[in-house]
Amino acid sequence: MDIFAQWQDGGTEIRWTSTTPANNGQEVKLFSRRSGRQGAPALVCVHGFPTSSIDYFALADELRSEFEIFTVDFPGYGLSDKPPSPYVYSLYDDARLLVHLITDVWQLQNYQIVTHDRGSSIGIIAVTMLAEAGAAMPSDLVITNGNIYLPLANLTAFQQALLDDSTSRATAAATTPELLAAGLGASTFMPRRTLEDPEIAALAKTFAHNDGVRVLPDTIKYLHERAADETRWLETLAANTVDTTLVWGVHDTIAPLRVADHVWHTYVKEKPGRSRYWVVPGADHYMQCDAPKQLADILRLTLAGDAVGLQTLGDTPDGPVLVDQSDDQTAD
């Protein structure tokens, strides 16, 4: 199965003019994809670093008859343009892009947002922008594994080398698309995977497209924005009325469960609206790849809006566990 070819064939090109002042209004071409059942409830899937929207291939397949699924590869990622330095990549620019797509391009009214990794920061910023603009809000913001509270995260040696200006370019130069994909497969997926796995092979092709490895020292600088502003973003989310769900793969060592626990208890559990916290025993960092059926079940329950009690979905040992919730409609 050539996942890369299938995903690429379903895409369209859009153009975005960067809002980051340092980019001087530079226009970039972006890969966007719309799939599923037209007119069904919309699901906006927001990808992370260093991958792209192709991460949602299995989830989109799982939900294709029930949702209309919208994705984009942000500048620097996947099948989109990857302009080199001095182009400045920014979470804020990407959040404005996401808001533009939701409100002006896709014109969504009834929709959910599911986010992952870097995309979780983008999603949190975007819902604040949407609220401030008086735009149609998502019915739910679903946040999956990501280092959204860096003091409790574990950055890898590779990430640290890319962040260090003295080693970043040499680290990227020594990395091939195949090495990067294989490294992710061996450390952030469950069960562990090799380049023989179709999803890992597809990652290698997306990294190779437009020489994505070259810009890793630039795209990873989003972590500086996150370190500076993550507390403010989370405090703003805590006051937002959007229903919020955390879904975390328990095997993640980069964004370990303690990140989700802290964010849940400090910012999400008591916020306005319905809040839920799920843990998935069989998943690592790439929840949407490791457990697409289980994540799909959680999204179906979230969309339905019905009250649910604390439980293990499917009543199986490896099923997702709803470990806590704060809900005006909590089941007896």
C-alpha atoms as a PDB file:
ATOM      1  CA  MET A   1       0.000   0.000   0.000  1.00  0.00           C
ATOM      2  CA  ASP A   2       1.441   3.388  -1.004  1.00  0.00           C
ATOM      3  CA  ILE A   3      -0.090   5.665   1.620  1.00  0.00           C
ATOM      4  CA  PHE A   4       1.894   8.661   0.364  1.00  0.00           C
ATOM      5  CA  ALA A   5       0.482   8.373  -3.163  1.00  0.00           C
ATOM      6  CA  GLN A   6      -3.073   7.869  -1.916  1.00  0.00           C
ATOM      7  CA  TRP A   7      -2.880  10.893   0.368  1.00  0.00           C
ATOM      8  CA  GLN A   8      -1.252  13.101  -2.254  1.00  0.00           C
ATOM      9  CA  ASP A   9      -3.843  12.184  -4.891  1.00  0.00           C
ATOM     10  CA  GLY A  10      -6.680  13.454  -2.707  1.00  0.00           C
ATOM     11  CA  GLY A  11      -5.216  16.903  -2.087  1.00  0.00           C
ATOM     12  CA  THR A  12      -5.611  20.401  -3.451  1.00  0.00           C
ATOM     13  CA  GLU A  13      -3.329  23.438  -3.433  1.00  0.00           C
ATOM     14  CA  ILE A  14      -4.137  26.583  -1.501  1.00  0.00           C
ATOM     15  CA  ARG A  15      -2.062  29.736  -1.064  1.00  0.00           C
ATOM     16  CA  TRP A  16      -1.283  31.561   2.140  1.00  0.00           C
ATOM     17  CA  THR A  17       0.389  34.904   2.695  1.00  0.00           C
ATOM     18  CA  SER A  18       2.397  34.761   5.902  1.00  0.00           C
ATOM     19  CA  THR A  19       1.264  37.154   8.627  1.00  0.00           C
ATOM     20  CA  THR A  20       4.664  37.044  10.360  1.00  0.00           C
ATOM     21  CA  PRO A  21       6.250  40.496   9.859  1.00  0.00           C
ATOM     22  CA  ALA A  22       9.735  39.041   9.279  1.00  0.00           C
ATOM     23  CA  ASN A  23       8.442  37.146   6.234  1.00  0.00           C
ATOM     24  CA  ASN A  24       7.476  40.366   4.432  1.00  0.00           C
ATOM     25  CA  GLY A  25       4.195  39.026   3.061  1.00  0.00           C
ATOM     26  CA  GLN A  26       5.771  35.960   1.457  1.00  0.00           C
ATOM     27  CA  GLU A  27       3.250  33.651  -0.191  1.00  0.00           C
ATOM     28  CA  VAL A  28       3.509  29.886   0.227  1.00  0.00           C
ATOM     29  CA  LYS A  29       1.727  27.037  -1.502  1.00  0.00           C
ATOM     30  CA  LEU A  30       0.092  24.580   0.859  1.00  0.00           C
ATOM     31  CA  PHE A  31      -1.302  21.081   0.571  1.00  0.00           C
ATOM     32  CA  SER A  32      -4.878  20.765   1.804  1.00  0.00           C
ATOM     33  CA  ARG A  33      -7.120  17.727   1.797  1.00  0.00           C
ATOM     34  CA  ARG A  34     -10.875  17.294   2.133  1.00  0.00           C
ATOM     35  CA  SER A  35     -12.296  13.786   2.346  1.00  0.00           C
ATOM     36  CA  GLY A  36     -15.060  11.720   3.882  1.00  0.00           C
ATOM     37  CA  ARG A  37     -18.794  12.225   3.479  1.00  0.00           C
ATOM     38  CA  GLN A  38     -19.694  15.631   2.114  1.00  0.00           C
ATOM     39  CA  GLY A  39     -22.100  17.495   4.370  1.00  0.00           C
ATOM     40  CA  ALA A  40     -21.432  15.281   7.386  1.00  0.00           C
ATOM     41  CA  PRO A  41     -20.189  16.816  10.654  1.00  0.00           C
ATOM     42  CA  ALA A  42     -16.757  18.266   9.988  1.00  0.00           C
ATOM     43  CA  LEU A  43     -13.567  17.095  11.648  1.00  0.00           C
ATOM     44  CA  VAL A  44     -10.540  19.401  11.386  1.00  0.00           C
ATOM     45  CA  CYS A  45      -7.318  17.462  11.993  1.00  0.00           C
ATOM     46  CA  VAL A  46      -4.257  19.475  13.035  1.00  0.00           C
ATOM     47  CA  HIS A  47      -0.835  17.823  12.694  1.00  0.00           C
ATOM     48  CA  GLY A  48       2.376  18.135  14.692  1.00  0.00           C
ATOM     49  CA  PHE A  49       6.170  18.281  14.334  1.00  0.00           C
ATOM     50  CA  PRO A  50       8.004  16.990  12.351  1.00  0.00           C
ATOM     51  CA  THR A  51       5.321  15.133  10.421  1.00  0.00           C
ATOM     52  CA  SER A  52       2.212  16.306   8.552  1.00  0.00           C
ATOM     53  CA  SER A  53      -1.460  15.701   7.869  1.00  0.00           C
ATOM     54  CA  ILE A  54      -0.647  12.234   6.543  1.00  0.00           C
ATOM     55  CA  ASP A  55      -0.579  11.198  10.216  1.00  0.00           C
ATOM     56  CA  TYR A  56      -4.380  11.139   9.991  1.00  0.00           C
ATOM     57  CA  PHE A  57      -4.543   8.652   7.108  1.00  0.00           C
ATOM     58  CA  ALA A  58      -5.820   5.738   9.230  1.00  0.00           C
ATOM     59  CA  LEU A  59      -8.211   7.888  11.279  1.00  0.00           C
ATOM     60  CA  ALA A  60      -9.659   9.477   8.130  1.00  0.00           C
ATOM     61  CA  ASP A  61     -10.229   6.021   6.687  1.00  0.00           C
ATOM     62  CA  GLU A  62     -11.937   4.910   9.889  1.00  0.00           C
ATOM     63  CA  LEU A  63     -14.318   7.894   9.927  1.00  0.00           C
ATOM     64  CA  ARG A  64     -14.833   8.464   6.195  1.00  0.00           C
ATOM     65  CA  SER A  65     -18.518   7.496   6.210  1.00  0.00           C
ATOM     66  CA  GLU A  66     -19.422   9.572   9.289  1.00  0.00           C
ATOM     67  CA  PHE A  67     -17.402  12.788   9.022  1.00  0.00           C
ATOM     68  CA  GLU A  68     -16.177  15.227   6.440  1.00  0.00           C
ATOM     69  CA  ILE A  69     -12.466  15.478   7.212  1.00  0.00           C
ATOM     70  CA  PHE A  70     -10.352  18.593   6.659  1.00  0.00           C
ATOM     71  CA  THR A  71      -6.562  18.746   6.882  1.00  0.00           C
ATOM     72  CA  VAL A  72      -3.694  21.009   5.875  1.00  0.00           C
ATOM     73  CA  ASP A  73       0.085  20.677   5.852  1.00  0.00           C
ATOM     74  CA  PHE A  74       1.429  23.805   7.539  1.00  0.00           C
ATOM     75  CA  PRO A  75       4.312  25.692   5.896  1.00  0.00           C
ATOM     76  CA  GLY A  76       7.498  23.667   6.315  1.00  0.00           C
ATOM     77  CA  TYR A  77       5.741  20.308   6.543  1.00  0.00           C
ATOM     78  CA  GLY A  78       4.560  17.431   4.398  1.00  0.00           C
ATOM     79  CA  LEU A  79       3.512  18.336   0.867  1.00  0.00           C
ATOM     80  CA  SER A  80       3.511  22.099   1.422  1.00  0.00           C
ATOM     81  CA  ASP A  81       6.221  24.608   0.576  1.00  0.00           C
ATOM     82  CA  LYS A  82       9.220  24.497   2.905  1.00  0.00           C
ATOM     83  CA  PRO A  83      10.974  27.838   2.460  1.00  0.00           C
ATOM     84  CA  PRO A  84      14.476  27.939   3.969  1.00  0.00           C
ATOM     85  CA  SER A  85      15.877  30.468   6.433  1.00  0.00           C
ATOM     86  CA  PRO A  86      15.416  33.407   6.826  1.00  0.00           C
ATOM     87  CA  TYR A  87      11.730  32.407   6.557  1.00  0.00           C
ATOM     88  CA  VAL A  88      10.303  32.398  10.098  1.00  0.00           C
ATOM     89  CA  TYR A  89       7.929  29.584  11.070  1.00  0.00           C
ATOM     90  CA  SER A  90       5.465  30.506  13.789  1.00  0.00           C
ATOM     91  CA  LEU A  91       2.662  28.900  15.767  1.00  0.00           C
ATOM     92  CA  TYR A  92       0.775  32.191  15.612  1.00  0.00           C
ATOM     93  CA  ASP A  93       1.007  32.358  11.818  1.00  0.00           C
ATOM     94  CA  ASP A  94      -0.235  28.772  11.584  1.00  0.00           C
ATOM     95  CA  ALA A  95      -3.097  29.498  13.993  1.00  0.00           C
ATOM     96  CA  ARG A  96      -4.166  32.437  11.813  1.00  0.00           C
ATOM     97  CA  LEU A  97      -3.952  30.148   8.792  1.00  0.00           C
ATOM     98  CA  LEU A  98      -6.149  27.577  10.532  1.00  0.00           C
ATOM     99  CA  VAL A  99      -8.721  30.235  11.439  1.00  0.00           C
ATOM    100  CA  HIS A 100      -8.674  31.500   7.834  1.00  0.00           C
ATOM    101  CA  LEU A 101      -9.311  27.990   6.522  1.00  0.00           C
ATOM    102  CA  ILE A 102     -12.135  27.301   8.984  1.00  0.00           C
ATOM    103  CA  THR A 103     -13.930  30.604   8.513  1.00  0.00           C
ATOM    104  CA  ASP A 104     -13.157  31.736   4.944  1.00  0.00           C
ATOM    105  CA  VAL A 105     -12.101  28.717   2.880  1.00  0.00           C
ATOM    106  CA  TRP A 106     -13.975  25.764   4.352  1.00  0.00           C
ATOM    107  CA  GLN A 107     -16.686  27.983   5.932  1.00  0.00           C
ATOM    108  CA  LEU A 108     -17.393  25.525   8.724  1.00  0.00           C
ATOM    109  CA  GLN A 109     -20.214  25.831  11.232  1.00  0.00           C
ATOM    110  CA  ASN A 110     -20.685  22.364  12.726  1.00  0.00           C
ATOM    111  CA  TYR A 111     -17.202  21.013  13.379  1.00  0.00           C
ATOM    112  CA  GLN A 112     -14.759  19.481  15.828  1.00  0.00           C
ATOM    113  CA  ILE A 113     -11.014  20.013  16.015  1.00  0.00           C
ATOM    114  CA  VAL A 114      -8.596  17.196  16.866  1.00  0.00           C
ATOM    115  CA  THR A 115      -4.979  18.185  17.466  1.00  0.00           C
ATOM    116  CA  HIS A 116      -1.641  16.479  17.983  1.00  0.00           C
ATOM    117  CA  ASP A 117       1.817  17.526  19.206  1.00  0.00           C
ATOM    118  CA  ARG A 118       2.751  20.981  17.812  1.00  0.00           C
ATOM    119  CA  GLY A 119      -0.766  21.151  16.417  1.00  0.00           C
ATOM    120  CA  SER A 120      -2.194  21.171  19.936  1.00  0.00           C
ATOM    121  CA  SER A 121      -0.628  24.592  20.558  1.00  0.00           C
ATOM    122  CA  ILE A 122      -1.986  25.778  17.203  1.00  0.00           C
ATOM    123  CA  GLY A 123      -5.459  24.510  18.097  1.00  0.00           C
ATOM    124  CA  ILE A 124      -5.443  26.176  21.523  1.00  0.00           C
ATOM    125  CA  ILE A 125      -4.336  29.503  20.019  1.00  0.00           C
ATOM    126  CA  ALA A 126      -6.880  29.181  17.195  1.00  0.00           C
ATOM    127  CA  VAL A 127      -9.910  28.661  19.459  1.00  0.00           C
ATOM    128  CA  THR A 128      -8.927  31.832  21.298  1.00  0.00           C
ATOM    129  CA  MET A 129      -8.724  33.709  17.986  1.00  0.00           C
ATOM    130  CA  LEU A 130     -12.074  32.282  16.886  1.00  0.00           C
ATOM    131  CA  ALA A 131     -13.725  33.356  20.149  1.00  0.00           C
ATOM    132  CA  GLU A 132     -12.241  36.850  19.939  1.00  0.00           C
ATOM    133  CA  ALA A 133     -13.479  37.186  16.342  1.00  0.00           C
ATOM    134  CA  GLY A 134     -16.997  36.030  17.214  1.00  0.00           C
ATOM    135  CA  ALA A 135     -16.660  33.242  14.653  1.00  0.00           C
ATOM    136  CA  ALA A 136     -18.363  29.850  14.764  1.00  0.00           C
ATOM    137  CA  MET A 137     -16.622  27.832  17.456  1.00  0.00           C
ATOM    138  CA  PRO A 138     -15.879  24.104  17.306  1.00  0.00           C
ATOM    139  CA  SER A 139     -18.240  21.935  19.288  1.00  0.00           C
ATOM    140  CA  ASP A 140     -15.184  20.242  20.787  1.00  0.00           C
ATOM    141  CA  LEU A 141     -11.426  20.673  20.981  1.00  0.00           C
ATOM    142  CA  VAL A 142      -9.759  17.260  21.253  1.00  0.00           C
ATOM    143  CA  ILE A 143      -6.094  17.382  22.302  1.00  0.00           C
ATOM    144  CA  THR A 144      -3.879  14.322  21.863  1.00  0.00           C
ATOM    145  CA  ASN A 145      -0.268  13.676  22.866  1.00  0.00           C
ATOM    146  CA  GLY A 146       1.942  16.746  22.769  1.00  0.00           C
ATOM    147  CA  ASN A 147       4.374  18.638  24.979  1.00  0.00           C
ATOM    148  CA  ILE A 148       1.863  21.347  25.825  1.00  0.00           C
ATOM    149  CA  TYR A 149       3.557  21.907  29.189  1.00  0.00           C
ATOM    150  CA  LEU A 150       7.300  21.791  28.539  1.00  0.00           C
ATOM    151  CA  PRO A 151       8.555  21.693  32.168  1.00  0.00           C
ATOM    152  CA  LEU A 152       7.190  18.134  32.389  1.00  0.00           C
ATOM    153  CA  ALA A 153       8.272  17.019  28.911  1.00  0.00           C
ATOM    154  CA  ASN A 154      11.280  14.938  27.835  1.00  0.00           C
ATOM    155  CA  LEU A 155      12.940  16.417  24.763  1.00  0.00           C
ATOM    156  CA  THR A 156      15.054  13.901  22.863  1.00  0.00           C
ATOM    157  CA  ALA A 157      18.756  14.374  22.153  1.00  0.00           C
ATOM    158  CA  PHE A 158      17.830  14.866  18.485  1.00  0.00           C
ATOM    159  CA  GLN A 159      15.384  17.671  19.356  1.00  0.00           C
ATOM    160  CA  GLN A 160      17.943  19.338  21.608  1.00  0.00           C
ATOM    161  CA  ALA A 161      20.591  19.182  18.883  1.00  0.00           C
ATOM    162  CA  LEU A 162      18.174  20.788  16.405  1.00  0.00           C
ATOM    163  CA  LEU A 163      17.360  23.545  18.906  1.00  0.00           C
ATOM    164  CA  ASP A 164      21.018  24.372  19.542  1.00  0.00           C
ATOM    165  CA  ASP A 165      22.199  26.903  16.961  1.00  0.00           C
ATOM    166  CA  SER A 166      25.731  25.499  17.166  1.00  0.00           C
ATOM    167  CA  THR A 167      24.632  21.988  16.141  1.00  0.00           C
ATOM    168  CA  SER A 168      21.294  22.401  14.361  1.00  0.00           C
ATOM    169  CA  ARG A 169      22.467  22.646  10.735  1.00  0.00           C
ATOM    170  CA  ALA A 170      25.013  19.852  11.069  1.00  0.00           C
ATOM    171  CA  THR A 171      22.391  17.632  12.710  1.00  0.00           C
ATOM    172  CA  ALA A 172      19.946  18.223   9.871  1.00  0.00           C
ATOM    173  CA  ALA A 173      22.674  17.665   7.262  1.00  0.00           C
ATOM    174  CA  ALA A 174      23.494  14.285   8.803  1.00  0.00           C
ATOM    175  CA  THR A 175      19.849  13.201   8.784  1.00  0.00           C
ATOM    176  CA  THR A 176      18.130  11.574   5.815  1.00  0.00           C
ATOM    177  CA  PRO A 177      14.354  11.275   5.376  1.00  0.00           C
ATOM    178  CA  GLU A 178      14.694   7.518   5.877  1.00  0.00           C
ATOM    179  CA  LEU A 179      16.700   7.905   9.083  1.00  0.00           C
ATOM    180  CA  LEU A 180      14.203  10.383  10.509  1.00  0.00           C
ATOM    181  CA  ALA A 181      11.201   8.207   9.670  1.00  0.00           C
ATOM    182  CA  ALA A 182      12.865   5.054  10.979  1.00  0.00           C
ATOM    183  CA  GLY A 183      13.832   6.830  14.195  1.00  0.00           C
ATOM    184  CA  LEU A 184      10.263   7.912  14.805  1.00  0.00           C
ATOM    185  CA  GLY A 185       8.965   4.438  14.024  1.00  0.00           C
ATOM    186  CA  ALA A 186      11.380   2.867  16.499  1.00  0.00           C
ATOM    187  CA  SER A 187      10.695   5.277  19.356  1.00  0.00           C
ATOM    188  CA  THR A 188       7.279   6.981  19.123  1.00  0.00           C
ATOM    189  CA  PHE A 189       4.921   4.343  17.679  1.00  0.00           C
ATOM    190  CA  MET A 190       3.427   1.343  19.416  1.00  0.00           C
ATOM    191  CA  PRO A 191       4.149  -1.373  18.499  1.00  0.00           C
ATOM    192  CA  ARG A 192       7.550  -0.269  17.210  1.00  0.00           C
ATOM    193  CA  ARG A 193       7.793  -0.009  13.423  1.00  0.00           C
ATOM    194  CA  THR A 194      10.422  -0.075  10.684  1.00  0.00           C
ATOM    195  CA  LEU A 195      10.627   1.426   7.195  1.00  0.00           C
ATOM    196  CA  GLU A 196       8.819  -1.683   5.957  1.00  0.00           C
ATOM    197  CA  ASP A 197       5.665  -0.390   7.637  1.00  0.00           C
ATOM    198  CA  PRO A 198       3.486   1.545   5.122  1.00  0.00           C
ATOM    199  CA  GLU A 199       2.938   4.509   7.461  1.00  0.00           C
ATOM    200  CA  ILE A 200       6.647   4.876   8.245  1.00  0.00           C
ATOM    201  CA  ALA A 201       7.526   4.550   4.546  1.00  0.00           C
ATOM    202  CA  ALA A 202       5.002   7.316   3.853  1.00  0.00           C
ATOM    203  CA  LEU A 203       6.654   9.534   6.470  1.00  0.00           C
ATOM    204  CA  ALA A 204      10.011   9.123   4.724  1.00  0.00           C
ATOM    205  CA  LYS A 205       8.450  10.297   1.458  1.00  0.00           C
ATOM    206  CA  THR A 206       6.864  13.351   3.097  1.00  0.00           C
ATOM    207  CA  PHE A 207      10.182  14.294   4.718  1.00  0.00           C
ATOM    208  CA  ALA A 208      11.885  13.996   1.329  1.00  0.00           C
ATOM    209  CA  HIS A 209       9.265  16.132  -0.433  1.00  0.00           C
ATOM    210  CA  ASN A 210      10.619  19.667  -0.928  1.00  0.00           C
ATOM    211  CA  ASP A 211      13.654  18.703   1.188  1.00  0.00           C
ATOM    212  CA  GLY A 212      11.852  18.860   4.520  1.00  0.00           C
ATOM    213  CA  VAL A 213      14.819  17.715   6.601  1.00  0.00           C
ATOM    214  CA  ARG A 214      16.726  20.865   5.607  1.00  0.00           C
ATOM    215  CA  VAL A 215      14.236  23.137   7.414  1.00  0.00           C
ATOM    216  CA  LEU A 216      14.042  21.132  10.673  1.00  0.00           C
ATOM    217  CA  PRO A 217      16.305  23.629  12.499  1.00  0.00           C
ATOM    218  CA  ASP A 218      13.821  26.348  11.548  1.00  0.00           C
ATOM    219  CA  THR A 219      10.513  24.555  12.117  1.00  0.00           C
ATOM    220  CA  ILE A 220      11.517  23.221  15.558  1.00  0.00           C
ATOM    221  CA  LYS A 221      11.893  26.762  16.865  1.00  0.00           C
ATOM    222  CA  TYR A 222       8.195  26.658  17.656  1.00  0.00           C
ATOM    223  CA  LEU A 223       9.359  25.235  20.983  1.00  0.00           C
ATOM    224  CA  HIS A 224      10.742  28.666  21.885  1.00  0.00           C
ATOM    225  CA  GLU A 225       7.273  30.185  21.337  1.00  0.00           C
ATOM    226  CA  ARG A 226       5.741  27.424  23.385  1.00  0.00           C
ATOM    227  CA  ALA A 227       8.191  27.880  26.259  1.00  0.00           C
ATOM    228  CA  ALA A 228       7.480  31.615  26.342  1.00  0.00           C
ATOM    229  CA  ASP A 229       3.693  31.534  26.037  1.00  0.00           C
ATOM    230  CA  GLU A 230       2.329  28.083  26.926  1.00  0.00           C
ATOM    231  CA  THR A 231       1.096  29.079  30.382  1.00  0.00           C
ATOM    232  CA  ARG A 232      -0.845  32.026  28.976  1.00  0.00           C
ATOM    233  CA  TRP A 233      -2.364  29.815  26.264  1.00  0.00           C
ATOM    234  CA  LEU A 234      -3.493  27.257  28.829  1.00  0.00           C
ATOM    235  CA  GLU A 235      -4.886  29.931  31.146  1.00  0.00           C
ATOM    236  CA  THR A 236      -6.872  31.360  28.236  1.00  0.00           C
ATOM    237  CA  LEU A 237      -8.151  27.885  27.334  1.00  0.00           C
ATOM    238  CA  ALA A 238      -9.207  27.426  30.968  1.00  0.00           C
ATOM    239  CA  ALA A 239     -11.584  30.389  30.564  1.00  0.00           C
ATOM    240  CA  ASN A 240     -12.901  29.343  27.133  1.00  0.00           C
ATOM    241  CA  THR A 241     -16.309  27.675  26.986  1.00  0.00           C
ATOM    242  CA  VAL A 242     -15.317  25.209  24.242  1.00  0.00           C
ATOM    243  CA  ASP A 243     -15.811  21.579  25.311  1.00  0.00           C
ATOM    244  CA  THR A 244     -12.331  20.118  25.717  1.00  0.00           C
ATOM    245  CA  THR A 245     -11.122  16.524  25.679  1.00  0.00           C
ATOM    246  CA  LEU A 246      -7.645  15.174  26.420  1.00  0.00           C
ATOM    247  CA  VAL A 247      -6.751  11.806  24.856  1.00  0.00           C
ATOM    248  CA  TRP A 248      -3.330  10.432  25.762  1.00  0.00           C
ATOM    249  CA  GLY A 249      -1.327   7.392  24.717  1.00  0.00           C
ATOM    250  CA  VAL A 250       0.179   5.911  27.843  1.00  0.00           C
ATOM    251  CA  HIS A 251       3.458   4.711  26.279  1.00  0.00           C
ATOM    252  CA  ASP A 252       4.618   8.213  25.314  1.00  0.00           C
ATOM    253  CA  THR A 253       7.964   9.068  26.916  1.00  0.00           C
ATOM    254  CA  ILE A 254       8.461  12.406  25.089  1.00  0.00           C
ATOM    255  CA  ALA A 255       5.134  13.895  26.176  1.00  0.00           C
ATOM    256  CA  PRO A 256       4.559  11.566  29.138  1.00  0.00           C
ATOM    257  CA  LEU A 257       1.302  11.110  30.973  1.00  0.00           C
ATOM    258  CA  ARG A 258       2.396  13.599  33.620  1.00  0.00           C
ATOM    259  CA  VAL A 259       1.970  16.362  30.999  1.00  0.00           C
ATOM    260  CA  ALA A 260      -1.662  15.429  30.453  1.00  0.00           C
ATOM    261  CA  ASP A 261      -2.266  14.983  34.186  1.00  0.00           C
ATOM    262  CA  HIS A 262      -0.934  18.452  34.944  1.00  0.00           C
ATOM    263  CA  VAL A 263      -2.875  20.140  32.142  1.00  0.00           C
ATOM    264  CA  TRP A 264      -6.048  18.282  33.104  1.00  0.00           C
ATOM    265  CA  HIS A 265      -5.985  19.124  36.808  1.00  0.00           C
ATOM    266  CA  THR A 266      -4.626  22.673  36.457  1.00  0.00           C
ATOM    267  CA  TYR A 267      -6.442  24.010  33.405  1.00  0.00           C
ATOM    268  CA  VAL A 268      -9.076  21.713  31.907  1.00  0.00           C
ATOM    269  CA  LYS A 269     -11.062  19.823  34.528  1.00  0.00           C
ATOM    270  CA  GLU A 270     -12.815  22.843  36.023  1.00  0.00           C
ATOM    271  CA  LYS A 271     -13.055  24.996  32.888  1.00  0.00           C
ATOM    272  CA  PRO A 272     -16.467  26.020  31.473  1.00  0.00           C
ATOM    273  CA  GLY A 273     -18.135  23.427  29.266  1.00  0.00           C
ATOM    274  CA  ARG A 274     -17.742  19.658  29.217  1.00  0.00           C
ATOM    275  CA  SER A 275     -14.274  18.272  29.861  1.00  0.00           C
ATOM    276  CA  ARG A 276     -13.102  14.667  29.516  1.00  0.00           C
ATOM    277  CA  TYR A 277      -9.805  12.899  30.013  1.00  0.00           C
ATOM    278  CA  TRP A 278      -9.089   9.620  28.231  1.00  0.00           C
ATOM    279  CA  VAL A 279      -6.036   7.376  28.462  1.00  0.00           C
ATOM    280  CA  VAL A 280      -5.311   4.801  25.738  1.00  0.00           C
ATOM    281  CA  PRO A 281      -3.190   1.871  27.001  1.00  0.00           C
ATOM    282  CA  GLY A 282      -2.059   0.645  23.569  1.00  0.00           C
ATOM    283  CA  ALA A 283      -0.835   3.952  22.135  1.00  0.00           C
ATOM    284  CA  ASP A 284       2.413   5.915  22.142  1.00  0.00           C
ATOM    285  CA  HIS A 285       2.942   9.478  20.883  1.00  0.00           C
ATOM    286  CA  TYR A 286       1.133   8.984  17.544  1.00  0.00           C
ATOM    287  CA  MET A 287      -2.300   8.162  18.927  1.00  0.00           C
ATOM    288  CA  GLN A 288      -4.025   8.546  15.563  1.00  0.00           C
ATOM    289  CA  CYS A 289      -1.706   5.961  13.983  1.00  0.00           C
ATOM    290  CA  ASP A 290      -1.425   3.496  16.879  1.00  0.00           C
ATOM    291  CA  ALA A 291      -5.097   3.362  17.833  1.00  0.00           C
ATOM    292  CA  PRO A 292      -7.232   4.889  15.038  1.00  0.00           C
ATOM    293  CA  LYS A 293     -10.294   2.764  15.818  1.00  0.00           C
ATOM    294  CA  GLN A 294     -10.166   3.686  19.489  1.00  0.00           C
ATOM    295  CA  LEU A 295      -9.653   7.370  18.812  1.00  0.00           C
ATOM    296  CA  ALA A 296     -12.525   7.201  16.311  1.00  0.00           C
ATOM    297  CA  ASP A 297     -14.775   5.729  19.001  1.00  0.00           C
ATOM    298  CA  ILE A 298     -13.884   8.586  21.346  1.00  0.00           C
ATOM    299  CA  LEU A 299     -14.616  11.146  18.628  1.00  0.00           C
ATOM    300  CA  ARG A 300     -17.973   9.500  17.915  1.00  0.00           C
ATOM    301  CA  LEU A 301     -18.896   9.701  21.601  1.00  0.00           C
ATOM    302  CA  THR A 302     -17.716  13.297  21.761  1.00  0.00           C
ATOM    303  CA  LEU A 303     -19.780  14.291  18.737  1.00  0.00           C
ATOM    304  CA  ALA A 304     -22.886  12.577  20.111  1.00  0.00           C
ATOM    305  CA  GLY A 305     -22.682  14.770  23.197  1.00  0.00           C
ATOM    306  CA  ASP A 306     -24.412  12.190  25.371  1.00  0.00           C
ATOM    307  CA  ALA A 307     -23.555  11.722  29.008  1.00  0.00           C
ATOM    308  CA  VAL A 308     -21.178   8.848  29.633  1.00  0.00           C
ATOM    309  CA  GLY A 309     -19.939   7.318  32.837  1.00  0.00           C
ATOM    310  CA  LEU A 310     -16.332   6.599  33.727  1.00  0.00           C
ATOM    311  CA  GLN A 311     -15.525   3.439  31.817  1.00  0.00           C
ATOM    312  CA  THR A 312     -13.249   1.428  29.572  1.00  0.00           C
ATOM    313  CA  LEU A 313     -14.534   1.570  25.993  1.00  0.00           C
ATOM    314  CA  GLY A 314     -15.337  -1.854  24.635  1.00  0.00           C
ATOM    315  CA  ASP A 315     -14.777  -3.408  28.049  1.00  0.00           C
ATOM    316  CA  THR A 316     -11.419  -4.819  26.899  1.00  0.00           C
ATOM    317  CA  PRO A 317      -8.038  -4.700  28.682  1.00  0.00           C
ATOM    318  CA  ASP A 318      -6.509  -2.424  26.034  1.00  0.00           C
ATOM    319  CA  GLY A 319      -9.567  -0.207  25.556  1.00  0.00           C
ATOM    320  CA  PRO A 320      -9.467   3.576  26.086  1.00  0.00           C
ATOM    321  CA  VAL A 321     -10.210   4.516  29.681  1.00  0.00           C
ATOM    322  CA  LEU A 322     -12.287   7.568  30.573  1.00  0.00           C
ATOM    323  CA  VAL A 323     -10.438   8.342  33.779  1.00  0.00           C
ATOM    324  CA  ASP A 324     -12.066  11.649  34.713  1.00  0.00           C
ATOM    325  CA  GLN A 325     -14.557  14.215  33.535  1.00  0.00           C
ATOM    326  CA  SER A 326     -16.263  17.424  34.473  1.00  0.00           C
ATOM    327  CA  ASP A 327     -19.615  17.558  32.792  1.00  0.00           C
ATOM    328  CA  ASP A 328     -22.925  19.234  33.555  1.00  0.00           C
ATOM    329  CA  GLN A 329     -24.523  16.130  31.996  1.00  0.00           C
ATOM    330  CA  THR A 330     -22.473  13.591  33.945  1.00  0.00           C
ATOM    331  CA  ALA A 331     -24.145  10.176  33.997  1.00  0.00           C
ATOM    332  CA  ASP A 332     -25.315   8.789  37.295  1.00  0.00           C
END
